[in-house]
Amino acid sequence: MTAAVAPAGAAPVLRRPRRPALRRAGWIVLLLLPGLGLILVMIGSVLYVAVAQSFGLYNLAGESVLTAAHWLEVVDRRAFRRALSYSAYIAVVSAVASVLLAYPLALWLRRPFPGSLTAGALLKVPLFVPGLVAAFLYLNLVAYHGLINQGLMALGLTDRPLRMQNDPGAWGVIILQIWKNMPFALLLLSGALQGIRDDVLDAARDLGAGPFARFRKVIVPLTIPAMQASLVIVFIGAAGDFAFQSTVGPTNVQSMAQLMLFLSGTAGRWHEAAVVGVTLMVLALAGSALLALLARALARAAR
């Protein structure tokens, strides 16, 4: 330590040298570099190649020319705009519905009761089922000669099978997205709810707050980080989904993932596929940020 110059009669002020702090920060950076550095390099390189390829560079079949023509051509297509709005719609509805459904279940499982471990385990089963397997299981239920149609006809409720597969409203995709992602939101929200002490809720109850008031003014503000994380993760996964859309999704519209696969694999237009991929990444980032801000704004309004 070094003593700073102090006025006459005053005790000297001791200041710690900055070298230990800088050395500690340097060690932290070096320790994180093998793992975090590799991740940043890999993600950064993929992002750079995708952006560069969308502007005509890294041509796989010809000469590379820096141009914005691919962006102008893709953005001007109606199929691209429909795919963008469709993927955004699926992602927003799936994220919001998953969180809304996970909240009451997390509150229900907050305090142990007979059978709570079994109920929690059953609710987490979708985490261990691959998405493509879940899609084919759903098809067995809603197909033209699936279990639901056979049951309705056996009960005499319908004379012939109903058309439920590949519905134009994409309800099959939304149902599967909620079924698959709700358990993950439940894990995050359950952890946040477990961290709320009982005396906090008891104090709110003693002050006259009812169940809804405790949920609105105590539980929601204290679980905002978990809510935001759930919305962001579910939104990103649903926006880039391919398995559910390609199996049970509507046939009159493509998702962004389907459009990117068609442009790159079927049509061989890699630069246009890169435009779709970059747009999908921007959609994931922008939509996640908006949902996180919306969740925080709702929490402020609830106070």
C-alpha atoms as a PDB file:
ATOM      1  CA  MET A   1       0.000   0.000   0.000  1.00  0.00           C
ATOM      2  CA  THR A   2       1.106   3.599  -0.599  1.00  0.00           C
ATOM      3  CA  ALA A   3       0.305   6.600   1.550  1.00  0.00           C
ATOM      4  CA  ALA A   4      -1.282   9.571  -0.194  1.00  0.00           C
ATOM      5  CA  VAL A   5      -0.400  13.140   0.741  1.00  0.00           C
ATOM      6  CA  ALA A   6      -2.791  14.357   3.451  1.00  0.00           C
ATOM      7  CA  PRO A   7      -3.288  17.750   5.068  1.00  0.00           C
ATOM      8  CA  ALA A   8      -1.280  18.591   8.181  1.00  0.00           C
ATOM      9  CA  GLY A   9      -2.667  16.891  11.250  1.00  0.00           C
ATOM     10  CA  ALA A  10      -4.741  14.363   9.264  1.00  0.00           C
ATOM     11  CA  ALA A  11      -4.057  10.651   9.068  1.00  0.00           C
ATOM     12  CA  PRO A  12      -2.543   9.483   5.774  1.00  0.00           C
ATOM     13  CA  VAL A  13      -4.927   7.851   3.309  1.00  0.00           C
ATOM     14  CA  LEU A  14      -3.818   4.385   2.236  1.00  0.00           C
ATOM     15  CA  ARG A  15      -4.426   3.341  -1.350  1.00  0.00           C
ATOM     16  CA  ARG A  16      -4.114  -0.187  -2.649  1.00  0.00           C
ATOM     17  CA  PRO A  17      -2.030  -0.639  -5.773  1.00  0.00           C
ATOM     18  CA  ARG A  18      -3.923  -1.543  -8.907  1.00  0.00           C
ATOM     19  CA  ARG A  19      -1.570  -4.269 -10.032  1.00  0.00           C
ATOM     20  CA  PRO A  20      -3.187  -7.132  -8.075  1.00  0.00           C
ATOM     21  CA  ALA A  21      -6.623  -6.263  -9.516  1.00  0.00           C
ATOM     22  CA  LEU A  22      -5.253  -6.129 -13.049  1.00  0.00           C
ATOM     23  CA  ARG A  23      -3.368  -9.362 -12.517  1.00  0.00           C
ATOM     24  CA  ARG A  24      -6.525 -11.044 -11.201  1.00  0.00           C
ATOM     25  CA  ALA A  25      -8.530  -9.824 -14.208  1.00  0.00           C
ATOM     26  CA  GLY A  26      -5.826 -11.147 -16.516  1.00  0.00           C
ATOM     27  CA  TRP A  27      -5.932 -14.569 -14.884  1.00  0.00           C
ATOM     28  CA  ILE A  28      -9.730 -14.648 -15.212  1.00  0.00           C
ATOM     29  CA  VAL A  29      -9.481 -13.864 -18.926  1.00  0.00           C
ATOM     30  CA  LEU A  30      -6.839 -16.547 -19.444  1.00  0.00           C
ATOM     31  CA  LEU A  31      -8.913 -19.146 -17.604  1.00  0.00           C
ATOM     32  CA  LEU A  32     -12.012 -18.345 -19.659  1.00  0.00           C
ATOM     33  CA  LEU A  33     -10.154 -18.191 -22.962  1.00  0.00           C
ATOM     34  CA  PRO A  34      -9.957 -21.957 -23.734  1.00  0.00           C
ATOM     35  CA  GLY A  35     -13.727 -22.460 -23.462  1.00  0.00           C
ATOM     36  CA  LEU A  36     -15.302 -19.065 -24.077  1.00  0.00           C
ATOM     37  CA  GLY A  37     -12.735 -18.079 -26.693  1.00  0.00           C
ATOM     38  CA  LEU A  38     -13.379 -21.214 -28.725  1.00  0.00           C
ATOM     39  CA  ILE A  39     -17.136 -20.624 -28.573  1.00  0.00           C
ATOM     40  CA  LEU A  40     -16.782 -16.995 -29.628  1.00  0.00           C
ATOM     41  CA  VAL A  41     -14.451 -17.908 -32.487  1.00  0.00           C
ATOM     42  CA  MET A  42     -16.752 -20.621 -33.790  1.00  0.00           C
ATOM     43  CA  ILE A  43     -19.938 -18.563 -33.488  1.00  0.00           C
ATOM     44  CA  GLY A  44     -18.221 -15.463 -34.832  1.00  0.00           C
ATOM     45  CA  SER A  45     -16.801 -17.287 -37.846  1.00  0.00           C
ATOM     46  CA  VAL A  46     -20.170 -18.844 -38.713  1.00  0.00           C
ATOM     47  CA  LEU A  47     -21.897 -15.482 -38.340  1.00  0.00           C
ATOM     48  CA  TYR A  48     -19.271 -13.764 -40.484  1.00  0.00           C
ATOM     49  CA  VAL A  49     -19.501 -16.338 -43.275  1.00  0.00           C
ATOM     50  CA  ALA A  50     -23.319 -16.183 -43.275  1.00  0.00           C
ATOM     51  CA  VAL A  51     -23.377 -12.379 -43.479  1.00  0.00           C
ATOM     52  CA  ALA A  52     -20.612 -12.294 -46.098  1.00  0.00           C
ATOM     53  CA  GLN A  53     -22.306 -14.979 -48.182  1.00  0.00           C
ATOM     54  CA  SER A  54     -25.578 -13.046 -48.130  1.00  0.00           C
ATOM     55  CA  PHE A  55     -23.702 -10.191 -49.813  1.00  0.00           C
ATOM     56  CA  GLY A  56     -22.275 -12.365 -52.583  1.00  0.00           C
ATOM     57  CA  LEU A  57     -18.976 -13.488 -51.050  1.00  0.00           C
ATOM     58  CA  TYR A  58     -17.819 -17.085 -50.504  1.00  0.00           C
ATOM     59  CA  ASN A  59     -19.542 -18.234 -53.672  1.00  0.00           C
ATOM     60  CA  LEU A  60     -19.540 -22.038 -53.789  1.00  0.00           C
ATOM     61  CA  ALA A  61     -20.203 -22.301 -57.515  1.00  0.00           C
ATOM     62  CA  GLY A  62     -18.675 -19.254 -59.126  1.00  0.00           C
ATOM     63  CA  GLU A  63     -16.965 -15.919 -58.669  1.00  0.00           C
ATOM     64  CA  SER A  64     -17.478 -14.004 -55.434  1.00  0.00           C
ATOM     65  CA  VAL A  65     -18.780 -10.460 -55.972  1.00  0.00           C
ATOM     66  CA  LEU A  66     -19.740  -8.050 -53.199  1.00  0.00           C
ATOM     67  CA  THR A  67     -23.325  -7.041 -53.913  1.00  0.00           C
ATOM     68  CA  ALA A  68     -26.647  -6.351 -52.210  1.00  0.00           C
ATOM     69  CA  ALA A  69     -28.658  -7.816 -55.113  1.00  0.00           C
ATOM     70  CA  HIS A  70     -29.399 -11.020 -53.214  1.00  0.00           C
ATOM     71  CA  TRP A  71     -30.980  -9.079 -50.350  1.00  0.00           C
ATOM     72  CA  LEU A  72     -33.076  -6.981 -52.700  1.00  0.00           C
ATOM     73  CA  GLU A  73     -34.237 -10.047 -54.610  1.00  0.00           C
ATOM     74  CA  VAL A  74     -35.180 -12.124 -51.557  1.00  0.00           C
ATOM     75  CA  VAL A  75     -36.839  -9.347 -49.577  1.00  0.00           C
ATOM     76  CA  ASP A  76     -39.004  -8.466 -52.569  1.00  0.00           C
ATOM     77  CA  ARG A  77     -40.527 -11.965 -52.683  1.00  0.00           C
ATOM     78  CA  ARG A  78     -43.924 -12.619 -51.169  1.00  0.00           C
ATOM     79  CA  ALA A  79     -42.862 -16.114 -50.050  1.00  0.00           C
ATOM     80  CA  PHE A  80     -40.082 -14.594 -47.933  1.00  0.00           C
ATOM     81  CA  ARG A  81     -42.390 -12.094 -46.238  1.00  0.00           C
ATOM     82  CA  ARG A  82     -44.955 -14.818 -45.522  1.00  0.00           C
ATOM     83  CA  ALA A  83     -42.281 -17.101 -44.084  1.00  0.00           C
ATOM     84  CA  LEU A  84     -40.946 -14.299 -41.877  1.00  0.00           C
ATOM     85  CA  SER A  85     -44.345 -13.350 -40.491  1.00  0.00           C
ATOM     86  CA  TYR A  86     -45.310 -17.009 -40.044  1.00  0.00           C
ATOM     87  CA  SER A  87     -42.136 -17.882 -38.105  1.00  0.00           C
ATOM     88  CA  ALA A  88     -42.541 -14.783 -35.926  1.00  0.00           C
ATOM     89  CA  TYR A  89     -46.173 -15.716 -35.224  1.00  0.00           C
ATOM     90  CA  ILE A  90     -45.303 -19.294 -34.251  1.00  0.00           C
ATOM     91  CA  ALA A  91     -42.421 -18.143 -32.037  1.00  0.00           C
ATOM     92  CA  VAL A  92     -44.395 -15.453 -30.177  1.00  0.00           C
ATOM     93  CA  VAL A  93     -47.467 -17.620 -29.546  1.00  0.00           C
ATOM     94  CA  SER A  94     -45.373 -20.611 -28.469  1.00  0.00           C
ATOM     95  CA  ALA A  95     -43.204 -18.572 -26.081  1.00  0.00           C
ATOM     96  CA  VAL A  96     -46.060 -16.691 -24.428  1.00  0.00           C
ATOM     97  CA  ALA A  97     -48.316 -19.761 -24.159  1.00  0.00           C
ATOM     98  CA  SER A  98     -45.518 -21.931 -22.731  1.00  0.00           C
ATOM     99  CA  VAL A  99     -44.757 -19.399 -19.990  1.00  0.00           C
ATOM    100  CA  LEU A 100     -48.436 -18.812 -19.183  1.00  0.00           C
ATOM    101  CA  LEU A 101     -49.008 -22.538 -18.819  1.00  0.00           C
ATOM    102  CA  ALA A 102     -45.817 -23.094 -16.817  1.00  0.00           C
ATOM    103  CA  TYR A 103     -46.637 -20.461 -14.172  1.00  0.00           C
ATOM    104  CA  PRO A 104     -49.655 -22.201 -12.549  1.00  0.00           C
ATOM    105  CA  LEU A 105     -47.912 -25.567 -12.747  1.00  0.00           C
ATOM    106  CA  ALA A 106     -44.829 -24.134 -11.038  1.00  0.00           C
ATOM    107  CA  LEU A 107     -47.021 -22.621  -8.321  1.00  0.00           C
ATOM    108  CA  TRP A 108     -48.790 -25.962  -7.896  1.00  0.00           C
ATOM    109  CA  LEU A 109     -45.492 -27.820  -7.479  1.00  0.00           C
ATOM    110  CA  ARG A 110     -43.871 -25.176  -5.289  1.00  0.00           C
ATOM    111  CA  ARG A 111     -44.785 -26.916  -2.036  1.00  0.00           C
ATOM    112  CA  PRO A 112     -44.284 -30.695  -1.801  1.00  0.00           C
ATOM    113  CA  PHE A 113     -47.374 -32.876  -1.543  1.00  0.00           C
ATOM    114  CA  PRO A 114     -48.011 -36.609  -1.951  1.00  0.00           C
ATOM    115  CA  GLY A 115     -47.257 -37.402  -5.564  1.00  0.00           C
ATOM    116  CA  SER A 116     -45.594 -34.062  -6.360  1.00  0.00           C
ATOM    117  CA  LEU A 117     -42.324 -35.717  -7.418  1.00  0.00           C
ATOM    118  CA  THR A 118     -44.185 -38.048  -9.776  1.00  0.00           C
ATOM    119  CA  ALA A 119     -46.235 -35.193 -11.229  1.00  0.00           C
ATOM    120  CA  GLY A 120     -43.105 -33.096 -11.757  1.00  0.00           C
ATOM    121  CA  ALA A 121     -41.315 -35.986 -13.436  1.00  0.00           C
ATOM    122  CA  LEU A 122     -44.233 -36.629 -15.795  1.00  0.00           C
ATOM    123  CA  LEU A 123     -44.388 -32.950 -16.749  1.00  0.00           C
ATOM    124  CA  LYS A 124     -40.691 -33.041 -17.673  1.00  0.00           C
ATOM    125  CA  VAL A 125     -40.993 -36.097 -19.922  1.00  0.00           C
ATOM    126  CA  PRO A 126     -41.180 -34.002 -23.165  1.00  0.00           C
ATOM    127  CA  LEU A 127     -37.622 -32.822 -22.501  1.00  0.00           C
ATOM    128  CA  PHE A 128     -36.384 -36.347 -23.208  1.00  0.00           C
ATOM    129  CA  VAL A 129     -38.481 -36.961 -26.332  1.00  0.00           C
ATOM    130  CA  PRO A 130     -36.905 -35.835 -29.639  1.00  0.00           C
ATOM    131  CA  GLY A 131     -38.982 -33.325 -31.567  1.00  0.00           C
ATOM    132  CA  LEU A 132     -39.324 -35.511 -34.649  1.00  0.00           C
ATOM    133  CA  VAL A 133     -40.575 -38.436 -32.549  1.00  0.00           C
ATOM    134  CA  ALA A 134     -43.136 -36.157 -30.885  1.00  0.00           C
ATOM    135  CA  ALA A 135     -44.309 -34.954 -34.296  1.00  0.00           C
ATOM    136  CA  PHE A 136     -44.944 -38.498 -35.531  1.00  0.00           C
ATOM    137  CA  LEU A 137     -46.723 -39.378 -32.291  1.00  0.00           C
ATOM    138  CA  TYR A 138     -48.971 -36.372 -32.830  1.00  0.00           C
ATOM    139  CA  LEU A 139     -49.638 -37.503 -36.395  1.00  0.00           C
ATOM    140  CA  ASN A 140     -50.843 -40.853 -35.090  1.00  0.00           C
ATOM    141  CA  LEU A 141     -53.429 -38.958 -33.055  1.00  0.00           C
ATOM    142  CA  VAL A 142     -54.741 -36.447 -35.604  1.00  0.00           C
ATOM    143  CA  ALA A 143     -54.285 -38.304 -38.887  1.00  0.00           C
ATOM    144  CA  TYR A 144     -57.297 -38.941 -41.119  1.00  0.00           C
ATOM    145  CA  HIS A 145     -57.508 -42.468 -39.702  1.00  0.00           C
ATOM    146  CA  GLY A 146     -55.779 -41.645 -36.419  1.00  0.00           C
ATOM    147  CA  LEU A 147     -56.830 -42.433 -32.886  1.00  0.00           C
ATOM    148  CA  ILE A 148     -58.921 -39.284 -32.385  1.00  0.00           C
ATOM    149  CA  ASN A 149     -60.937 -39.784 -35.557  1.00  0.00           C
ATOM    150  CA  GLN A 150     -61.438 -43.458 -34.811  1.00  0.00           C
ATOM    151  CA  GLY A 151     -62.645 -42.604 -31.303  1.00  0.00           C
ATOM    152  CA  LEU A 152     -65.066 -39.942 -32.568  1.00  0.00           C
ATOM    153  CA  MET A 153     -66.503 -42.305 -35.136  1.00  0.00           C
ATOM    154  CA  ALA A 154     -66.756 -45.141 -32.598  1.00  0.00           C
ATOM    155  CA  LEU A 155     -68.728 -42.863 -30.249  1.00  0.00           C
ATOM    156  CA  GLY A 156     -71.007 -41.809 -33.110  1.00  0.00           C
ATOM    157  CA  LEU A 157     -70.016 -38.141 -32.856  1.00  0.00           C
ATOM    158  CA  THR A 158     -68.953 -37.953 -36.518  1.00  0.00           C
ATOM    159  CA  ASP A 159     -69.942 -39.853 -39.638  1.00  0.00           C
ATOM    160  CA  ARG A 160     -66.561 -39.591 -41.304  1.00  0.00           C
ATOM    161  CA  PRO A 161     -63.012 -38.626 -40.268  1.00  0.00           C
ATOM    162  CA  LEU A 162     -62.203 -34.959 -39.685  1.00  0.00           C
ATOM    163  CA  ARG A 163     -59.341 -33.206 -41.411  1.00  0.00           C
ATOM    164  CA  MET A 164     -56.938 -32.208 -38.582  1.00  0.00           C
ATOM    165  CA  GLN A 165     -53.537 -32.936 -40.073  1.00  0.00           C
ATOM    166  CA  ASN A 166     -51.528 -30.012 -41.545  1.00  0.00           C
ATOM    167  CA  ASP A 167     -54.225 -27.528 -40.505  1.00  0.00           C
ATOM    168  CA  PRO A 168     -53.982 -24.045 -42.109  1.00  0.00           C
ATOM    169  CA  GLY A 169     -53.933 -22.324 -38.701  1.00  0.00           C
ATOM    170  CA  ALA A 170     -50.765 -24.187 -37.653  1.00  0.00           C
ATOM    171  CA  TRP A 171     -52.395 -25.283 -34.405  1.00  0.00           C
ATOM    172  CA  GLY A 172     -50.590 -28.609 -34.601  1.00  0.00           C
ATOM    173  CA  VAL A 173     -47.222 -26.835 -34.672  1.00  0.00           C
ATOM    174  CA  ILE A 174     -48.212 -24.581 -31.758  1.00  0.00           C
ATOM    175  CA  ILE A 175     -49.461 -27.517 -29.688  1.00  0.00           C
ATOM    176  CA  LEU A 176     -46.223 -29.401 -30.239  1.00  0.00           C
ATOM    177  CA  GLN A 177     -44.117 -26.325 -29.478  1.00  0.00           C
ATOM    178  CA  ILE A 178     -45.955 -25.778 -26.191  1.00  0.00           C
ATOM    179  CA  TRP A 179     -45.751 -29.478 -25.315  1.00  0.00           C
ATOM    180  CA  LYS A 180     -42.012 -29.510 -25.993  1.00  0.00           C
ATOM    181  CA  ASN A 181     -41.011 -26.139 -24.478  1.00  0.00           C
ATOM    182  CA  MET A 182     -43.352 -25.776 -21.502  1.00  0.00           C
ATOM    183  CA  PRO A 183     -41.312 -28.192 -19.324  1.00  0.00           C
ATOM    184  CA  PHE A 184     -38.187 -26.089 -19.883  1.00  0.00           C
ATOM    185  CA  ALA A 185     -40.047 -22.933 -18.849  1.00  0.00           C
ATOM    186  CA  LEU A 186     -41.394 -24.904 -15.888  1.00  0.00           C
ATOM    187  CA  LEU A 187     -37.854 -25.745 -14.764  1.00  0.00           C
ATOM    188  CA  LEU A 188     -36.757 -22.109 -14.849  1.00  0.00           C
ATOM    189  CA  LEU A 189     -39.867 -20.760 -13.158  1.00  0.00           C
ATOM    190  CA  SER A 190     -39.868 -23.509 -10.520  1.00  0.00           C
ATOM    191  CA  GLY A 191     -36.312 -22.621  -9.553  1.00  0.00           C
ATOM    192  CA  ALA A 192     -37.253 -18.950  -9.227  1.00  0.00           C
ATOM    193  CA  LEU A 193     -40.367 -19.741  -7.193  1.00  0.00           C
ATOM    194  CA  GLN A 194     -38.423 -22.013  -4.861  1.00  0.00           C
ATOM    195  CA  GLY A 195     -36.173 -19.054  -4.097  1.00  0.00           C
ATOM    196  CA  ILE A 196     -39.088 -16.956  -2.780  1.00  0.00           C
ATOM    197  CA  ARG A 197     -39.238 -17.326   0.987  1.00  0.00           C
ATOM    198  CA  ASP A 198     -42.536 -18.235   2.605  1.00  0.00           C
ATOM    199  CA  ASP A 199     -42.331 -15.343   5.069  1.00  0.00           C
ATOM    200  CA  VAL A 200     -42.472 -12.887   2.155  1.00  0.00           C
ATOM    201  CA  LEU A 201     -45.744 -14.370   0.926  1.00  0.00           C
ATOM    202  CA  ASP A 202     -47.034 -14.663   4.494  1.00  0.00           C
ATOM    203  CA  ALA A 203     -46.300 -10.980   5.081  1.00  0.00           C
ATOM    204  CA  ALA A 204     -48.223 -10.062   1.930  1.00  0.00           C
ATOM    205  CA  ARG A 205     -51.122 -12.234   3.093  1.00  0.00           C
ATOM    206  CA  ASP A 206     -51.093 -10.559   6.523  1.00  0.00           C
ATOM    207  CA  LEU A 207     -51.281  -7.158   4.840  1.00  0.00           C
ATOM    208  CA  GLY A 208     -54.505  -8.191   3.113  1.00  0.00           C
ATOM    209  CA  ALA A 209     -53.208  -9.301  -0.303  1.00  0.00           C
ATOM    210  CA  GLY A 210     -55.280 -12.021  -1.915  1.00  0.00           C
ATOM    211  CA  PRO A 211     -53.939 -14.846  -4.095  1.00  0.00           C
ATOM    212  CA  PHE A 212     -54.039 -12.813  -7.311  1.00  0.00           C
ATOM    213  CA  ALA A 213     -52.530  -9.741  -5.633  1.00  0.00           C
ATOM    214  CA  ARG A 214     -49.687 -11.847  -4.202  1.00  0.00           C
ATOM    215  CA  PHE A 215     -49.050 -13.321  -7.621  1.00  0.00           C
ATOM    216  CA  ARG A 216     -49.141  -9.923  -9.348  1.00  0.00           C
ATOM    217  CA  LYS A 217     -47.223  -7.845  -6.815  1.00  0.00           C
ATOM    218  CA  VAL A 218     -44.851 -10.370  -5.257  1.00  0.00           C
ATOM    219  CA  ILE A 219     -44.341 -13.480  -7.366  1.00  0.00           C
ATOM    220  CA  VAL A 220     -44.188 -11.918 -10.838  1.00  0.00           C
ATOM    221  CA  PRO A 221     -41.637  -9.185  -9.964  1.00  0.00           C
ATOM    222  CA  LEU A 222     -39.399 -11.707  -8.194  1.00  0.00           C
ATOM    223  CA  THR A 223     -39.498 -14.161 -11.104  1.00  0.00           C
ATOM    224  CA  ILE A 224     -38.902 -11.675 -13.928  1.00  0.00           C
ATOM    225  CA  PRO A 225     -35.395 -12.994 -14.777  1.00  0.00           C
ATOM    226  CA  ALA A 226     -36.710 -16.567 -15.083  1.00  0.00           C
ATOM    227  CA  MET A 227     -39.679 -15.372 -17.135  1.00  0.00           C
ATOM    228  CA  GLN A 228     -37.421 -13.436 -19.503  1.00  0.00           C
ATOM    229  CA  ALA A 229     -35.052 -16.382 -19.923  1.00  0.00           C
ATOM    230  CA  SER A 230     -37.971 -18.704 -20.650  1.00  0.00           C
ATOM    231  CA  LEU A 231     -39.483 -16.363 -23.237  1.00  0.00           C
ATOM    232  CA  VAL A 232     -36.148 -15.811 -24.987  1.00  0.00           C
ATOM    233  CA  ILE A 233     -35.121 -19.482 -25.165  1.00  0.00           C
ATOM    234  CA  VAL A 234     -38.536 -20.728 -26.297  1.00  0.00           C
ATOM    235  CA  PHE A 235     -38.833 -17.927 -28.871  1.00  0.00           C
ATOM    236  CA  ILE A 236     -35.448 -18.677 -30.434  1.00  0.00           C
ATOM    237  CA  GLY A 237     -36.133 -22.403 -30.641  1.00  0.00           C
ATOM    238  CA  ALA A 238     -39.620 -21.989 -32.088  1.00  0.00           C
ATOM    239  CA  ALA A 239     -38.544 -19.377 -34.642  1.00  0.00           C
ATOM    240  CA  GLY A 240     -35.979 -21.716 -36.189  1.00  0.00           C
ATOM    241  CA  ASP A 241     -38.023 -24.910 -35.899  1.00  0.00           C
ATOM    242  CA  PHE A 242     -37.944 -27.305 -38.838  1.00  0.00           C
ATOM    243  CA  ALA A 243     -39.074 -30.722 -37.541  1.00  0.00           C
ATOM    244  CA  PHE A 244     -42.569 -29.734 -36.390  1.00  0.00           C
ATOM    245  CA  GLN A 245     -43.281 -27.509 -39.383  1.00  0.00           C
ATOM    246  CA  SER A 246     -42.163 -30.078 -41.956  1.00  0.00           C
ATOM    247  CA  THR A 247     -44.278 -32.871 -40.437  1.00  0.00           C
ATOM    248  CA  VAL A 248     -47.471 -31.317 -39.048  1.00  0.00           C
ATOM    249  CA  GLY A 249     -47.308 -27.724 -40.282  1.00  0.00           C
ATOM    250  CA  PRO A 250     -49.588 -26.179 -42.919  1.00  0.00           C
ATOM    251  CA  THR A 251     -48.790 -26.913 -46.538  1.00  0.00           C
ATOM    252  CA  ASN A 252     -49.660 -23.439 -47.864  1.00  0.00           C
ATOM    253  CA  VAL A 253     -46.801 -21.601 -46.109  1.00  0.00           C
ATOM    254  CA  GLN A 254     -43.157 -22.270 -45.355  1.00  0.00           C
ATOM    255  CA  SER A 255     -41.214 -21.409 -42.234  1.00  0.00           C
ATOM    256  CA  MET A 256     -37.894 -19.584 -42.462  1.00  0.00           C
ATOM    257  CA  ALA A 257     -36.027 -22.855 -41.897  1.00  0.00           C
ATOM    258  CA  GLN A 258     -37.957 -24.567 -44.690  1.00  0.00           C
ATOM    259  CA  LEU A 259     -37.368 -21.673 -47.069  1.00  0.00           C
ATOM    260  CA  MET A 260     -33.652 -21.682 -46.309  1.00  0.00           C
ATOM    261  CA  LEU A 261     -33.438 -25.424 -46.953  1.00  0.00           C
ATOM    262  CA  PHE A 262     -35.345 -25.074 -50.230  1.00  0.00           C
ATOM    263  CA  LEU A 263     -33.094 -22.266 -51.492  1.00  0.00           C
ATOM    264  CA  SER A 264     -29.851 -23.995 -50.536  1.00  0.00           C
ATOM    265  CA  GLY A 265     -30.628 -27.650 -51.229  1.00  0.00           C
ATOM    266  CA  THR A 266     -33.298 -27.770 -53.912  1.00  0.00           C
ATOM    267  CA  ALA A 267     -32.633 -24.563 -55.821  1.00  0.00           C
ATOM    268  CA  GLY A 268     -28.893 -24.313 -55.113  1.00  0.00           C
ATOM    269  CA  ARG A 269     -29.128 -20.567 -54.422  1.00  0.00           C
ATOM    270  CA  TRP A 270     -26.723 -20.366 -51.495  1.00  0.00           C
ATOM    271  CA  HIS A 271     -26.542 -16.575 -51.327  1.00  0.00           C
ATOM    272  CA  GLU A 272     -30.308 -16.263 -51.069  1.00  0.00           C
ATOM    273  CA  ALA A 273     -30.368 -18.992 -48.430  1.00  0.00           C
ATOM    274  CA  ALA A 274     -27.759 -16.996 -46.491  1.00  0.00           C
ATOM    275  CA  VAL A 275     -30.051 -13.963 -46.654  1.00  0.00           C
ATOM    276  CA  VAL A 276     -32.839 -16.039 -45.089  1.00  0.00           C
ATOM    277  CA  GLY A 277     -30.454 -17.393 -42.441  1.00  0.00           C
ATOM    278  CA  VAL A 278     -29.205 -13.941 -41.457  1.00  0.00           C
ATOM    279  CA  THR A 279     -32.791 -12.673 -41.333  1.00  0.00           C
ATOM    280  CA  LEU A 280     -33.702 -15.578 -39.067  1.00  0.00           C
ATOM    281  CA  MET A 281     -30.868 -14.672 -36.708  1.00  0.00           C
ATOM    282  CA  VAL A 282     -31.997 -11.043 -36.649  1.00  0.00           C
ATOM    283  CA  LEU A 283     -35.566 -12.183 -35.984  1.00  0.00           C
ATOM    284  CA  ALA A 284     -34.401 -14.319 -33.054  1.00  0.00           C
ATOM    285  CA  LEU A 285     -32.372 -11.485 -31.514  1.00  0.00           C
ATOM    286  CA  ALA A 286     -34.969  -8.759 -32.068  1.00  0.00           C
ATOM    287  CA  GLY A 287     -37.904 -10.883 -30.968  1.00  0.00           C
ATOM    288  CA  SER A 288     -36.086 -12.060 -27.843  1.00  0.00           C
ATOM    289  CA  ALA A 289     -35.193  -8.493 -26.891  1.00  0.00           C
ATOM    290  CA  LEU A 290     -38.757  -7.275 -27.421  1.00  0.00           C
ATOM    291  CA  LEU A 291     -40.235 -10.120 -25.362  1.00  0.00           C
ATOM    292  CA  ALA A 292     -37.756  -9.478 -22.543  1.00  0.00           C
ATOM    293  CA  LEU A 293     -38.594  -5.763 -22.525  1.00  0.00           C
ATOM    294  CA  LEU A 294     -42.315  -6.549 -22.635  1.00  0.00           C
ATOM    295  CA  ALA A 295     -41.997  -8.873 -19.636  1.00  0.00           C
ATOM    296  CA  ARG A 296     -40.192  -6.184 -17.637  1.00  0.00           C
ATOM    297  CA  ALA A 297     -42.756  -3.564 -18.643  1.00  0.00           C
ATOM    298  CA  LEU A 298     -45.604  -5.820 -17.538  1.00  0.00           C
ATOM    299  CA  ALA A 299     -43.878  -6.401 -14.211  1.00  0.00           C
ATOM    300  CA  ARG A 300     -43.550  -2.653 -13.662  1.00  0.00           C
ATOM    301  CA  ALA A 301     -47.211  -2.141 -14.544  1.00  0.00           C
ATOM    302  CA  ALA A 302     -48.238  -4.850 -12.093  1.00  0.00           C
ATOM    303  CA  ARG A 303     -46.564  -3.144  -9.150  1.00  0.00           C
END
